[in-house]
Amino acid sequence: MHLGNKIKDVLSKQGKPVTWLANQLGCERTNVYNIFARKDISTGLLQKICIVLGHDFFKELSEETFRKR
């Protein structure tokens, strides 16, 4: 799973702009675009994004990881 793409998809489905997410995370809009480009994200940042978006990316990662085995 490419986390950055997944975050971008969830944000888009929620109809929220990049500037909203940047404001919620306390960063600049360009930083959010950098997050979208990342395949891997630190757990601390991912936890913050999960809370802000109300979406459990950790669960998705876990399900994908163990489904492949």
N, C-alpha and C. Protein backbone atom coordinates (compact mmCIF):
# COMPACT_ATOMS: atom_id res chain seq x y z
N MET A 1 0.84 -1.17 0.00
CA MET A 1 0.00 0.00 0.00
C MET A 1 0.89 1.25 0.00
N HIS A 2 0.60 2.15 -0.87
CA HIS A 2 1.29 3.43 -0.93
C HIS A 2 0.50 4.39 -0.03
N LEU A 3 1.02 4.61 1.17
CA LEU A 3 0.27 5.40 2.16
C LEU A 3 -0.08 6.79 1.70
N GLY A 4 0.83 7.46 1.04
CA GLY A 4 0.57 8.82 0.58
C GLY A 4 -0.63 8.88 -0.36
N ASN A 5 -0.68 7.93 -1.29
CA ASN A 5 -1.81 7.88 -2.22
C ASN A 5 -3.12 7.59 -1.48
N LYS A 6 -3.06 6.70 -0.50
CA LYS A 6 -4.25 6.34 0.25
C LYS A 6 -4.77 7.54 1.05
N ILE A 7 -3.87 8.29 1.66
CA ILE A 7 -4.25 9.48 2.41
C ILE A 7 -4.90 10.50 1.47
N LYS A 8 -4.30 10.68 0.32
CA LYS A 8 -4.85 11.60 -0.69
C LYS A 8 -6.26 11.17 -1.10
N ASP A 9 -6.46 9.88 -1.32
CA ASP A 9 -7.77 9.35 -1.71
C ASP A 9 -8.82 9.60 -0.62
N VAL A 10 -8.47 9.33 0.62
CA VAL A 10 -9.41 9.51 1.73
C VAL A 10 -9.77 10.99 1.87
N LEU A 11 -8.78 11.85 1.79
CA LEU A 11 -9.02 13.29 1.89
C LEU A 11 -9.96 13.75 0.77
N SER A 12 -9.72 13.26 -0.42
CA SER A 12 -10.55 13.61 -1.57
C SER A 12 -11.99 13.11 -1.40
N LYS A 13 -12.15 11.86 -0.94
CA LYS A 13 -13.48 11.29 -0.73
C LYS A 13 -14.26 12.06 0.34
N GLN A 14 -13.53 12.63 1.29
CA GLN A 14 -14.18 13.42 2.33
C GLN A 14 -14.50 14.84 1.86
N GLY A 15 -14.02 15.18 0.66
CA GLY A 15 -14.31 16.50 0.09
C GLY A 15 -13.58 17.64 0.78
N LYS A 16 -12.46 17.32 1.39
CA LYS A 16 -11.69 18.34 2.11
C LYS A 16 -10.46 18.74 1.30
N PRO A 17 -10.14 20.02 1.29
CA PRO A 17 -8.97 20.47 0.52
C PRO A 17 -7.65 20.22 1.25
N VAL A 18 -6.60 20.25 0.49
CA VAL A 18 -5.25 20.06 1.03
C VAL A 18 -4.94 21.11 2.10
N THR A 19 -5.41 22.31 1.89
CA THR A 19 -5.15 23.37 2.87
C THR A 19 -5.78 23.06 4.23
N TRP A 20 -6.94 22.39 4.22
CA TRP A 20 -7.59 21.99 5.47
C TRP A 20 -6.71 21.02 6.23
N LEU A 21 -6.20 19.99 5.52
CA LEU A 21 -5.35 19.00 6.17
C LEU A 21 -4.06 19.64 6.68
N ALA A 22 -3.49 20.52 5.90
CA ALA A 22 -2.27 21.22 6.33
C ALA A 22 -2.54 22.00 7.61
N ASN A 23 -3.66 22.68 7.68
CA ASN A 23 -4.01 23.45 8.87
C ASN A 23 -4.18 22.53 10.07
N GLN A 24 -4.85 21.39 9.88
CA GLN A 24 -5.07 20.43 10.96
C GLN A 24 -3.77 19.83 11.47
N LEU A 25 -2.82 19.64 10.57
CA LEU A 25 -1.53 19.05 10.94
C LEU A 25 -0.51 20.10 11.40
N GLY A 26 -0.86 21.36 11.24
CA GLY A 26 0.05 22.44 11.66
C GLY A 26 1.26 22.56 10.74
N CYS A 27 1.03 22.39 9.44
CA CYS A 27 2.13 22.49 8.49
C CYS A 27 1.68 23.25 7.24
N GLU A 28 2.59 23.43 6.33
CA GLU A 28 2.30 24.11 5.07
C GLU A 28 1.68 23.13 4.07
N ARG A 29 0.98 23.68 3.13
CA ARG A 29 0.34 22.88 2.07
C ARG A 29 1.35 22.03 1.32
N THR A 30 2.53 22.57 1.08
CA THR A 30 3.57 21.82 0.35
C THR A 30 3.99 20.57 1.12
N ASN A 31 3.96 20.63 2.44
CA ASN A 31 4.30 19.46 3.25
C ASN A 31 3.27 18.34 3.04
N VAL A 32 2.00 18.71 2.88
CA VAL A 32 0.96 17.71 2.64
C VAL A 32 1.20 17.04 1.29
N TYR A 33 1.56 17.82 0.29
CA TYR A 33 1.87 17.22 -1.02
C TYR A 33 3.07 16.28 -0.91
N ASN A 34 4.03 16.61 -0.05
CA ASN A 34 5.17 15.71 0.19
C ASN A 34 4.71 14.42 0.86
N ILE A 35 3.73 14.52 1.76
CA ILE A 35 3.18 13.32 2.40
C ILE A 35 2.52 12.44 1.35
N PHE A 36 1.77 13.04 0.43
CA PHE A 36 1.11 12.28 -0.63
C PHE A 36 2.11 11.49 -1.47
N ALA A 37 3.31 12.01 -1.62
CA ALA A 37 4.34 11.37 -2.44
C ALA A 37 5.05 10.22 -1.73
N ARG A 38 4.87 10.13 -0.42
CA ARG A 38 5.58 9.11 0.36
C ARG A 38 4.87 7.76 0.32
N LYS A 39 5.68 6.74 0.19
CA LYS A 39 5.14 5.37 0.29
C LYS A 39 5.08 4.96 1.76
N ASP A 40 6.05 5.42 2.54
CA ASP A 40 6.13 5.10 3.97
C ASP A 40 6.08 6.39 4.78
N ILE A 41 5.43 6.30 5.95
CA ILE A 41 5.26 7.47 6.82
C ILE A 41 5.53 7.03 8.25
N SER A 42 6.12 7.90 9.05
CA SER A 42 6.37 7.56 10.45
C SER A 42 5.05 7.28 11.17
N THR A 43 5.11 6.43 12.17
CA THR A 43 3.90 6.07 12.89
C THR A 43 3.29 7.27 13.61
N GLY A 44 4.14 8.16 14.10
CA GLY A 44 3.63 9.35 14.79
C GLY A 44 2.81 10.24 13.86
N LEU A 45 3.34 10.48 12.67
CA LEU A 45 2.62 11.30 11.70
C LEU A 45 1.37 10.58 11.22
N LEU A 46 1.47 9.29 10.98
CA LEU A 46 0.31 8.54 10.53
C LEU A 46 -0.80 8.55 11.59
N GLN A 47 -0.42 8.45 12.85
CA GLN A 47 -1.41 8.49 13.92
C GLN A 47 -2.15 9.83 13.93
N LYS A 48 -1.40 10.89 13.75
CA LYS A 48 -2.00 12.23 13.71
C LYS A 48 -2.98 12.34 12.53
N ILE A 49 -2.58 11.83 11.38
CA ILE A 49 -3.43 11.87 10.18
C ILE A 49 -4.69 11.02 10.40
N CYS A 50 -4.54 9.85 11.03
CA CYS A 50 -5.70 9.00 11.34
C CYS A 50 -6.71 9.76 12.19
N ILE A 51 -6.23 10.44 13.19
CA ILE A 51 -7.12 11.19 14.10
C ILE A 51 -7.81 12.31 13.35
N VAL A 52 -7.05 13.08 12.60
CA VAL A 52 -7.60 14.23 11.87
C VAL A 52 -8.64 13.80 10.84
N LEU A 53 -8.36 12.73 10.11
CA LEU A 53 -9.28 12.27 9.06
C LEU A 53 -10.34 11.29 9.57
N GLY A 54 -10.17 10.82 10.81
CA GLY A 54 -11.10 9.84 11.34
C GLY A 54 -11.09 8.54 10.54
N HIS A 55 -9.89 8.15 10.13
CA HIS A 55 -9.72 6.96 9.28
C HIS A 55 -8.56 6.13 9.81
N ASP A 56 -8.77 4.84 9.96
CA ASP A 56 -7.75 3.95 10.53
C ASP A 56 -6.86 3.33 9.45
N PHE A 57 -5.80 4.04 9.11
CA PHE A 57 -4.84 3.54 8.12
C PHE A 57 -4.04 2.37 8.67
N PHE A 58 -3.84 2.34 9.98
CA PHE A 58 -3.11 1.23 10.60
C PHE A 58 -3.85 -0.09 10.38
N LYS A 59 -5.15 -0.08 10.52
CA LYS A 59 -5.96 -1.27 10.30
C LYS A 59 -5.81 -1.76 8.86
N GLU A 60 -5.88 -0.82 7.93
CA GLU A 60 -5.72 -1.18 6.51
C GLU A 60 -4.36 -1.79 6.24
N LEU A 61 -3.32 -1.20 6.82
CA LEU A 61 -1.96 -1.73 6.64
C LEU A 61 -1.86 -3.14 7.20
N SER A 62 -2.42 -3.34 8.38
CA SER A 62 -2.38 -4.65 9.01
C SER A 62 -3.12 -5.68 8.18
N GLU A 63 -4.31 -5.34 7.72
CA GLU A 63 -5.09 -6.27 6.91
C GLU A 63 -4.36 -6.62 5.62
N GLU A 64 -3.75 -5.63 5.00
CA GLU A 64 -3.02 -5.90 3.76
C GLU A 64 -1.80 -6.77 4.03
N THR A 65 -1.10 -6.52 5.11
CA THR A 65 0.10 -7.27 5.45
C THR A 65 -0.22 -8.75 5.68
N PHE A 66 -1.25 -9.01 6.46
CA PHE A 66 -1.54 -10.40 6.81
C PHE A 66 -2.36 -11.12 5.75
N ARG A 67 -2.99 -10.39 4.86
CA ARG A 67 -3.71 -11.02 3.75
C ARG A 67 -2.73 -11.63 2.75
N LYS A 68 -1.55 -11.02 2.62
CA LYS A 68 -0.54 -11.49 1.66
C LYS A 68 0.14 -12.76 2.11
N ARG A 69 0.04 -13.10 3.38
CA ARG A 69 0.76 -14.27 3.90
C ARG A 69 0.00 -15.54 3.67
